[in-house]
N, C-alpha and C. Protein backbone atom coordinates (compact mmCIF):
# COMPACT_ATOMS: atom_id res chain seq x y z
N UNK A 1 6.78 7.74 -26.34
CA UNK A 1 5.50 8.03 -25.47
C UNK A 1 4.12 8.32 -26.26
N UNK A 2 3.40 7.01 -26.06
CA UNK A 2 2.30 7.85 -26.27
C UNK A 2 1.46 8.03 -24.84
N UNK A 3 0.53 8.56 -25.13
CA UNK A 3 -0.39 9.77 -24.24
C UNK A 3 -2.07 9.36 -24.93
N UNK A 4 -2.77 9.23 -23.42
CA UNK A 4 -3.78 9.53 -23.32
C UNK A 4 -4.79 10.60 -22.13
N UNK A 5 -5.76 11.23 -22.56
CA UNK A 5 -6.66 11.47 -21.50
C UNK A 5 -8.09 11.02 -21.40
N UNK A 6 -8.23 10.06 -19.97
CA UNK A 6 -9.63 10.03 -20.06
C UNK A 6 -10.41 11.01 -18.83
N UNK A 7 -11.37 10.95 -18.58
CA UNK A 7 -12.37 11.43 -17.95
C UNK A 7 -12.46 10.62 -16.75
N UNK A 8 -12.58 11.06 -14.78
CA UNK A 8 -12.13 9.95 -13.91
C UNK A 8 -13.38 11.13 -13.08
N UNK A 9 -13.89 10.45 -11.88
CA UNK A 9 -14.65 11.09 -11.13
C UNK A 9 -14.06 12.32 -9.82
N UNK A 10 -11.97 11.86 -10.41
CA UNK A 10 -11.52 13.08 -9.72
C UNK A 10 -10.74 14.10 -10.64
N UNK A 11 -10.79 14.00 -12.06
CA UNK A 11 -10.73 14.59 -12.76
C UNK A 11 -9.97 13.92 -13.57
N UNK A 12 -9.59 15.02 -15.26
CA UNK A 12 -8.85 14.34 -16.05
C UNK A 12 -7.60 14.00 -15.89
N UNK A 13 -7.44 12.71 -16.18
CA UNK A 13 -6.04 12.53 -15.85
C UNK A 13 -5.62 11.48 -16.99
N UNK A 14 -4.03 11.95 -17.31
CA UNK A 14 -3.07 11.28 -18.05
C UNK A 14 -2.39 10.18 -17.57
N UNK A 15 -2.41 9.75 -18.75
CA UNK A 15 -1.73 8.87 -18.85
C UNK A 15 -0.61 8.05 -20.15
N UNK A 16 0.38 7.79 -19.23
CA UNK A 16 1.70 8.28 -20.33
C UNK A 16 2.48 6.41 -20.35
N UNK A 17 2.68 5.99 -21.29
CA UNK A 17 2.98 5.03 -21.56
C UNK A 17 3.41 4.35 -23.02
N UNK A 18 4.09 3.20 -23.03
CA UNK A 18 4.43 2.14 -24.65
C UNK A 18 4.53 1.13 -24.26
N UNK A 19 5.27 0.56 -25.26
CA UNK A 19 5.08 -1.01 -25.43
C UNK A 19 5.82 -1.62 -24.03
N UNK A 20 7.07 -0.85 -23.62
CA UNK A 20 7.07 -1.15 -22.65
C UNK A 20 6.60 -1.07 -21.15
N UNK A 21 5.65 -0.75 -20.94
CA UNK A 21 4.34 0.02 -19.99
C UNK A 21 4.75 1.25 -19.71
N UNK A 22 3.03 1.31 -18.37
CA UNK A 22 3.10 2.65 -18.71
C UNK A 22 3.77 3.59 -17.06
N UNK A 23 4.19 4.28 -16.90
CA UNK A 23 5.58 5.24 -17.32
C UNK A 23 4.49 6.15 -16.01
N UNK A 24 3.75 7.17 -16.46
CA UNK A 24 2.60 8.29 -16.08
C UNK A 24 1.41 7.92 -15.53
N UNK A 25 0.49 7.81 -14.40
CA UNK A 25 -0.67 8.62 -14.70
C UNK A 25 -1.35 9.40 -13.68
N UNK A 26 -1.36 10.52 -13.94
CA UNK A 26 -1.31 11.82 -13.37
C UNK A 26 -2.60 12.25 -13.64
N UNK A 27 -3.69 12.85 -12.28
CA UNK A 27 -4.58 14.21 -12.20
C UNK A 27 -4.31 15.25 -12.64
N UNK A 28 -4.86 16.11 -13.51
CA UNK A 28 -4.82 17.15 -13.72
C UNK A 28 -6.11 18.14 -12.96
N UNK A 29 -5.09 19.08 -12.96
CA UNK A 29 -6.46 19.80 -12.14
C UNK A 29 -6.97 20.89 -13.29
N UNK A 30 -6.20 21.24 -14.69
CA UNK A 30 -6.90 22.24 -14.97
C UNK A 30 -7.61 21.20 -15.93
N UNK A 31 -8.50 21.86 -16.45
CA UNK A 31 -9.33 21.31 -17.45
C UNK A 31 -8.73 21.07 -19.10
N UNK A 32 -8.81 19.97 -19.06
CA UNK A 32 -8.47 19.87 -21.22
C UNK A 32 -9.07 18.65 -21.43
N UNK A 33 -8.32 18.98 -22.84
CA UNK A 33 -9.55 17.47 -24.21
C UNK A 33 -9.52 16.16 -23.83
N UNK A 34 -10.55 15.43 -23.57
CA UNK A 34 -10.26 14.12 -23.08
C UNK A 34 -10.71 13.38 -24.67
N UNK A 35 -9.29 12.24 -24.34
CA UNK A 35 -8.77 12.18 -25.80
C UNK A 35 -9.81 11.01 -26.27
N UNK A 36 -10.21 10.98 -27.74
CA UNK A 36 -11.68 10.22 -28.49
C UNK A 36 -10.88 9.02 -28.85
N UNK A 37 -9.35 8.61 -29.02
CA UNK A 37 -8.55 7.13 -29.71
C UNK A 37 -8.08 7.11 -28.50
N UNK A 38 -7.33 5.91 -28.06
CA UNK A 38 -6.56 5.78 -26.94
C UNK A 38 -5.75 5.04 -27.73
N UNK A 39 -4.42 5.17 -27.66
CA UNK A 39 -3.81 3.92 -28.23
C UNK A 39 -4.19 2.53 -27.55
N UNK A 40 -2.79 1.81 -28.22
CA UNK A 40 -3.05 0.10 -28.32
C UNK A 40 -2.54 0.27 -27.14
N UNK A 41 -1.39 0.92 -26.33
CA UNK A 41 -0.46 0.60 -25.22
C UNK A 41 -0.83 0.66 -23.59
N UNK A 42 -2.27 2.00 -23.90
CA UNK A 42 -2.56 2.18 -23.13
C UNK A 42 -4.47 1.98 -22.55
N UNK A 43 -4.59 1.10 -23.35
CA UNK A 43 -5.52 0.64 -23.57
C UNK A 43 -6.10 -0.35 -22.09
N UNK A 44 -5.35 -1.25 -22.10
CA UNK A 44 -5.31 -1.68 -21.32
C UNK A 44 -5.11 -1.30 -19.31
N UNK A 45 -4.32 0.25 -19.51
CA UNK A 45 -4.60 0.88 -17.84
C UNK A 45 -6.27 1.61 -17.69
N UNK A 46 -6.31 2.28 -19.64
CA UNK A 46 -7.88 3.22 -19.46
C UNK A 46 -8.60 1.94 -18.72
N UNK A 47 -9.15 0.57 -19.32
CA UNK A 47 -9.90 0.02 -18.74
C UNK A 47 -9.63 -0.54 -17.29
N UNK A 48 -9.02 -0.59 -16.77
CA UNK A 48 -8.71 -1.17 -15.53
C UNK A 48 -8.48 -0.12 -14.45
N UNK A 49 -8.71 1.50 -15.25
CA UNK A 49 -8.95 2.64 -14.20
C UNK A 49 -10.65 3.03 -14.34
N UNK A 50 -10.81 2.74 -15.61
CA UNK A 50 -12.03 2.89 -15.34
C UNK A 50 -12.92 1.59 -14.43
N UNK A 51 -12.54 0.69 -14.88
CA UNK A 51 -13.33 -0.64 -13.59
C UNK A 51 -12.92 -0.38 -12.82
N UNK A 52 -12.05 0.17 -11.52
CA UNK A 52 -11.32 0.50 -10.39
C UNK A 52 -12.74 1.37 -9.82
N UNK A 53 -12.44 2.68 -11.27
CA UNK A 53 -13.20 3.94 -10.94
C UNK A 53 -15.46 3.27 -10.50
N UNK A 54 -15.41 2.53 -10.87
CA UNK A 54 -16.65 1.33 -11.31
C UNK A 54 -17.12 0.78 -10.04
N UNK A 55 -15.94 0.68 -9.06
CA UNK A 55 -15.85 0.04 -8.18
C UNK A 55 -15.95 -1.94 -8.88
N UNK A 56 -15.51 -2.01 -10.13
CA UNK A 56 -15.23 -3.57 -10.26
C UNK A 56 -14.32 -4.09 -9.84
N UNK A 57 -12.92 -3.16 -10.12
CA UNK A 57 -11.35 -3.48 -10.21
C UNK A 57 -11.10 -3.76 -8.73
N UNK A 58 -9.90 -4.41 -7.79
CA UNK A 58 -9.42 -3.52 -6.67
C UNK A 58 -8.03 -4.28 -6.60
N UNK A 59 -7.66 -5.39 -7.88
CA UNK A 59 -6.27 -5.03 -8.39
C UNK A 59 -5.25 -4.44 -9.06
N UNK A 60 -4.43 -3.29 -9.53
CA UNK A 60 -4.61 -3.42 -11.39
C UNK A 60 -3.13 -4.59 -11.79
N UNK A 61 -3.47 -4.99 -12.96
CA UNK A 61 -2.25 -6.05 -12.91
C UNK A 61 -1.33 -5.55 -14.40
N UNK A 62 -1.87 -4.18 -15.51
CA UNK A 62 -1.09 -3.94 -16.41
C UNK A 62 0.47 -4.09 -16.40
N UNK A 63 1.34 -3.54 -16.90
CA UNK A 63 2.66 -3.12 -17.10
C UNK A 63 2.94 -2.19 -16.98
N UNK A 64 3.94 -2.23 -15.33
CA UNK A 64 4.14 -0.48 -15.52
C UNK A 64 5.52 -0.21 -15.13
N UNK A 65 6.26 0.52 -16.21
CA UNK A 65 7.03 1.16 -16.26
C UNK A 65 7.29 2.60 -15.61
N UNK A 66 7.38 2.48 -13.61
CA UNK A 66 7.57 4.05 -13.70
C UNK A 66 9.51 4.49 -13.38
N UNK A 67 9.68 5.16 -13.93
CA UNK A 67 10.62 6.30 -13.61
C UNK A 67 11.53 6.89 -12.49
N UNK A 68 12.40 6.82 -11.86
CA UNK A 68 13.23 7.39 -11.04
C UNK A 68 13.80 6.38 -10.43
N UNK A 69 14.75 6.88 -9.13
CA UNK A 69 15.77 6.57 -8.66
C UNK A 69 15.86 4.84 -7.80
N UNK A 70 16.94 4.78 -7.72
CA UNK A 70 16.68 3.27 -6.44
C UNK A 70 15.92 2.72 -6.20
N UNK A 71 15.99 3.94 -5.10
CA UNK A 71 15.40 4.24 -3.25
C UNK A 71 14.15 4.37 -3.94
N UNK A 72 13.39 5.04 -4.62
CA UNK A 72 11.62 5.90 -4.96
C UNK A 72 11.62 4.56 -5.64
N UNK A 73 11.99 3.57 -5.98
CA UNK A 73 11.32 2.36 -6.94
C UNK A 73 11.68 0.87 -5.89
N UNK A 74 12.32 1.40 -5.40
CA UNK A 74 11.77 0.33 -3.91
C UNK A 74 10.29 1.00 -3.06
N UNK A 75 10.87 2.27 -2.51
CA UNK A 75 9.50 2.82 -1.78
C UNK A 75 7.94 2.37 -2.51
N UNK A 76 7.92 2.56 -4.12
CA UNK A 76 6.98 1.92 -5.10
C UNK A 76 6.58 0.91 -4.90
N UNK A 77 7.63 -0.10 -4.55
CA UNK A 77 7.14 -1.95 -5.02
C UNK A 77 6.81 -1.93 -3.59
N UNK A 78 6.56 -1.54 -2.46
CA UNK A 78 6.34 -1.82 -1.48
C UNK A 78 5.05 -1.27 -0.75
N UNK A 79 4.59 0.13 -1.81
CA UNK A 79 3.43 0.23 -1.93
C UNK A 79 2.51 -0.33 -2.73
N UNK A 80 2.79 -1.01 -3.58
CA UNK A 80 2.49 -2.11 -4.08
C UNK A 80 1.41 -3.36 -3.49
N UNK A 81 2.38 -3.59 -2.54
CA UNK A 81 1.78 -4.43 -0.79
C UNK A 81 0.90 -3.45 -0.10
N UNK A 82 0.02 -2.56 -0.13
CA UNK A 82 -0.58 -3.18 1.11
C UNK A 82 -2.22 -2.79 -0.23
N UNK A 83 -2.73 -3.33 0.59
CA UNK A 83 -3.99 -3.90 0.50
C UNK A 83 -4.42 -3.07 -0.35
N UNK A 84 -5.68 -3.30 -1.46
CA UNK A 84 -6.96 -2.24 -1.70
C UNK A 84 -7.97 -2.78 0.30
N UNK A 85 -8.49 -1.60 0.56
CA UNK A 85 -9.38 -0.90 1.83
C UNK A 85 -8.22 -1.04 2.94
N UNK A 86 -7.08 -0.65 2.30
CA UNK A 86 -6.31 -1.01 4.11
C UNK A 86 -4.96 -0.07 4.05
N UNK A 87 -5.07 0.78 4.97
CA UNK A 87 -3.59 1.91 4.66
C UNK A 87 -2.71 1.79 6.43
N UNK A 88 -1.80 2.14 6.00
CA UNK A 88 -0.16 2.10 6.57
C UNK A 88 0.39 3.68 6.52
N UNK A 89 1.32 3.52 7.86
CA UNK A 89 1.81 5.00 8.13
C UNK A 89 3.02 4.75 7.09
N UNK A 90 3.78 6.21 7.61
CA UNK A 90 4.48 6.57 6.24
C UNK A 90 6.25 6.07 7.47
N UNK A 91 5.48 5.44 8.91
CA UNK A 91 6.71 4.98 9.45
C UNK A 91 6.95 3.81 9.70
N UNK A 92 5.11 2.68 9.06
CA UNK A 92 5.65 1.99 9.22
C UNK A 92 6.24 1.53 8.48
N UNK A 93 5.60 1.79 6.57
CA UNK A 93 6.72 1.59 5.52
C UNK A 93 8.12 1.49 5.44
N UNK A 94 8.28 2.80 6.40
CA UNK A 94 10.13 3.05 6.78
C UNK A 94 10.69 1.79 7.54
N UNK A 95 10.15 1.31 8.56
CA UNK A 95 10.12 0.06 8.71
C UNK A 95 10.19 -1.05 8.40
N UNK A 96 8.93 -0.83 7.73
CA UNK A 96 8.97 -2.37 6.20
C UNK A 96 10.23 -2.34 5.49
N UNK A 97 11.13 -0.56 4.90
CA UNK A 97 12.37 -0.74 3.78
C UNK A 97 13.34 -1.32 4.94
N UNK A 98 13.35 -1.09 5.97
CA UNK A 98 14.60 -1.67 7.01
C UNK A 98 15.46 0.02 7.87
N UNK A 99 14.68 0.58 7.63
CA UNK A 99 15.36 1.89 8.28
C UNK A 99 14.06 3.16 8.87
N UNK A 100 13.71 3.52 10.05
CA UNK A 100 12.71 4.05 9.69
C UNK A 100 13.16 5.34 10.59
N UNK A 101 14.76 5.78 10.13
CA UNK A 101 14.96 7.24 10.74
C UNK A 101 15.01 7.59 9.12
N UNK A 102 14.48 6.49 8.35
CA UNK A 102 14.16 7.08 6.50
C UNK A 102 13.22 7.49 6.27
N UNK A 103 12.08 7.80 7.12
CA UNK A 103 11.23 8.55 7.31
C UNK A 103 10.58 9.58 6.69
N UNK A 104 11.29 10.92 6.38
CA UNK A 104 11.77 11.90 5.53
C UNK A 104 11.54 11.34 3.80
N UNK A 105 12.59 10.18 3.43
CA UNK A 105 13.10 10.18 2.13
C UNK A 105 11.78 9.32 1.58
N UNK A 106 11.22 8.26 2.60
CA UNK A 106 9.90 7.58 1.91
C UNK A 106 8.86 8.51 1.62
N UNK A 107 8.67 9.11 2.86
CA UNK A 107 7.60 10.22 2.11
C UNK A 107 7.86 11.33 0.86
N UNK A 108 9.29 11.75 0.97
CA UNK A 108 9.50 12.26 -0.10
C UNK A 108 9.03 11.20 -1.81
N UNK A 109 9.82 9.80 -1.78
CA UNK A 109 9.64 9.46 -2.20
C UNK A 109 8.04 9.11 -3.18
N UNK A 110 7.03 8.63 -1.85
CA UNK A 110 5.90 8.37 -1.55
C UNK A 110 5.19 9.70 -2.40
N UNK A 111 5.60 10.90 -2.24
CA UNK A 111 5.22 11.78 -2.88
C UNK A 111 5.36 12.16 -4.31
N UNK A 112 6.17 11.40 -5.16
CA UNK A 112 6.74 11.75 -5.91
C UNK A 112 6.56 10.53 -7.30
N UNK A 113 5.63 9.78 -6.54
CA UNK A 113 5.30 8.32 -7.47
C UNK A 113 4.59 8.85 -8.25
N UNK A 114 5.48 8.62 -9.73
CA UNK A 114 4.35 8.56 -11.14
C UNK A 114 3.12 8.39 -11.43
N UNK A 115 2.81 6.93 -10.72
CA UNK A 115 1.67 6.15 -11.00
C UNK A 115 0.53 6.41 -10.05
N UNK A 116 -0.15 7.34 -10.40
CA UNK A 116 -1.71 8.35 -9.50
C UNK A 116 -2.47 6.78 -9.34
N UNK A 117 -2.96 6.56 -8.05
CA UNK A 117 -3.83 5.17 -7.83
C UNK A 117 -3.38 4.08 -8.16
N UNK A 118 -2.93 3.64 -8.56
CA UNK A 118 -2.16 2.46 -9.22
C UNK A 118 -1.25 1.40 -8.33
N UNK A 119 0.15 2.66 -8.40
CA UNK A 119 0.65 2.49 -7.10
C UNK A 119 0.20 3.06 -6.17
N UNK A 120 0.07 2.94 -4.16
CA UNK A 120 -1.11 3.10 -3.73
C UNK A 120 -0.61 4.37 -2.46
N UNK A 121 0.01 4.98 -3.00
CA UNK A 121 0.45 6.72 -2.02
C UNK A 121 -0.62 6.89 -1.67
N UNK A 122 -2.08 7.15 -2.01
CA UNK A 122 -2.34 7.26 -0.61
C UNK A 122 -2.96 6.73 0.13
N UNK A 123 -2.85 5.20 -0.30
CA UNK A 123 -3.33 4.16 1.12
C UNK A 123 -1.93 4.49 2.71
N UNK A 124 -1.52 5.69 2.13
CA UNK A 124 -0.38 5.93 3.48
C UNK A 124 -0.71 7.02 4.62
N UNK A 125 -1.02 7.13 5.09
CA UNK A 125 -1.82 8.09 6.13
C UNK A 125 -0.37 8.17 7.46
N UNK A 126 -0.86 9.36 8.52
CA UNK A 126 -0.13 9.78 10.07
C UNK A 126 -0.28 9.04 10.50
N UNK A 127 0.76 8.42 11.03
CA UNK A 127 1.16 7.64 11.86
C UNK A 127 -0.10 7.73 12.98
N UNK A 128 -0.36 8.96 13.19
CA UNK A 128 -1.72 8.58 14.28
C UNK A 128 -3.14 9.05 13.88
N UNK A 129 -3.48 8.34 12.33
CA UNK A 129 -4.10 8.25 11.71
C UNK A 129 -4.70 9.48 10.40
N UNK A 130 -3.84 10.45 10.82
CA UNK A 130 -5.00 11.52 9.96
C UNK A 130 -4.56 11.01 8.83
N UNK A 131 -5.18 11.84 7.58
CA UNK A 131 -4.54 12.14 6.42
C UNK A 131 -3.39 13.04 6.11
N UNK A 132 -2.59 13.00 5.49
CA UNK A 132 -1.56 14.00 5.07
C UNK A 132 -0.95 14.28 3.99
N UNK A 133 -0.35 15.05 3.50
CA UNK A 133 -0.15 15.15 2.54
C UNK A 133 -0.21 14.07 1.35
N UNK A 134 -0.65 15.52 0.04
CA UNK A 134 -1.30 14.19 -1.21
C UNK A 134 -1.09 14.66 -2.68
N UNK A 135 0.23 14.91 -3.27
CA UNK A 135 0.36 15.52 -4.31
C UNK A 135 -1.39 15.66 -4.62
N UNK A 136 -1.71 14.73 -5.10
CA UNK A 136 -3.47 15.41 -5.43
C UNK A 136 -4.31 16.08 -4.96
N UNK A 137 -3.82 16.04 -4.05
CA UNK A 137 -4.91 17.22 -2.75
C UNK A 137 -5.47 15.98 -2.06
N UNK A 138 -6.02 16.30 -1.36
CA UNK A 138 -6.15 15.69 0.05
C UNK A 138 -7.60 15.06 -0.07
N UNK A 139 -8.37 16.06 -0.72
CA UNK A 139 -9.69 16.25 -0.71
C UNK A 139 -9.98 14.55 -1.63
N UNK A 140 -8.84 14.21 -2.92
CA UNK A 140 -8.54 13.38 -3.12
C UNK A 140 -7.63 12.19 -2.66
N UNK A 141 -7.47 12.18 -1.92
CA UNK A 141 -6.75 11.15 -0.74
C UNK A 141 -8.27 10.68 -0.44
N UNK A 142 -9.01 11.53 0.46
CA UNK A 142 -10.29 11.22 1.33
C UNK A 142 -11.38 10.46 0.01
N UNK A 143 -11.61 11.03 -1.24
CA UNK A 143 -12.29 10.34 -1.49
C UNK A 143 -11.63 9.22 -2.59
N UNK A 144 -10.40 8.74 -2.78
CA UNK A 144 -9.50 7.42 -3.12
C UNK A 144 -9.62 6.14 -1.54
N UNK A 145 -9.92 6.66 -0.61
CA UNK A 145 -9.72 5.97 1.01
C UNK A 145 -11.28 5.48 1.77
N UNK A 146 -12.19 6.84 1.14
CA UNK A 146 -13.20 6.69 1.13
C UNK A 146 -14.08 5.15 0.23
N UNK A 147 -13.91 4.93 -1.00
CA UNK A 147 -13.97 4.42 -2.33
C UNK A 147 -13.78 3.13 -2.22
N UNK A 148 -12.47 3.52 -1.47
CA UNK A 148 -11.78 1.55 -1.48
C UNK A 148 -12.22 0.61 0.66
N UNK A 149 -12.99 2.17 1.20
CA UNK A 149 -13.42 1.44 2.42
C UNK A 149 -14.81 0.45 1.98
N UNK A 150 -13.89 -1.14 2.94
CA UNK A 150 -15.22 -1.67 3.05
C UNK A 150 -16.28 -2.18 3.02
N UNK A 151 -16.35 -0.63 4.36
CA UNK A 151 -18.06 -0.12 4.73
C UNK A 151 -18.42 1.03 4.15
N UNK A 152 -18.87 0.88 2.62
CA UNK A 152 -18.77 2.47 1.56
C UNK A 152 -19.59 3.23 2.25
N UNK A 153 -20.92 2.59 3.53
CA UNK A 153 -22.14 3.87 3.91
C UNK A 153 -20.86 4.89 5.10
N UNK A 154 -20.31 4.54 5.67
CA UNK A 154 -19.49 4.96 6.52
C UNK A 154 -18.08 5.85 5.73
N UNK A 155 -18.12 7.29 6.74
CA UNK A 155 -16.86 7.42 5.82
C UNK A 155 -15.42 7.79 7.30
N UNK A 156 -14.09 7.64 6.53
CA UNK A 156 -13.71 7.56 7.18
C UNK A 156 -12.80 8.91 8.56
N UNK A 157 -12.83 9.97 7.62
CA UNK A 157 -12.31 11.25 7.90
C UNK A 157 -13.46 12.32 7.75
């Protein structure tokens, strides 16, 4: 596995992957050295993330290869269907997956998403429209939702 760290508006971001795809994208809370040489297998992901943050990309299309249970992968695959600038609730996501009673399992799988931003777990909010837990911190979730808002001059939360 190769890795690189890039600078984003939300902090240093570590990208891990190989020729089979990107397995992990995580935001780091601690200061770390930014990579000066990006491995070839990570260049497309790096370029697309930078384009996303500058507002020039709304859908990622590089190869991903997240590692998890079959259920987690089903949840992550469904997250990919949430359009840029839109949100859904944990309850709606559970219904879409076919089991409204699985809401806690869906929320847990959402929280274990290894591909920050690319698999848009930040687009899942509470049924009442509130921001709910986010592994990267609620301030980052708020930033991402505002970044994707079709009306950037308005604040969502």
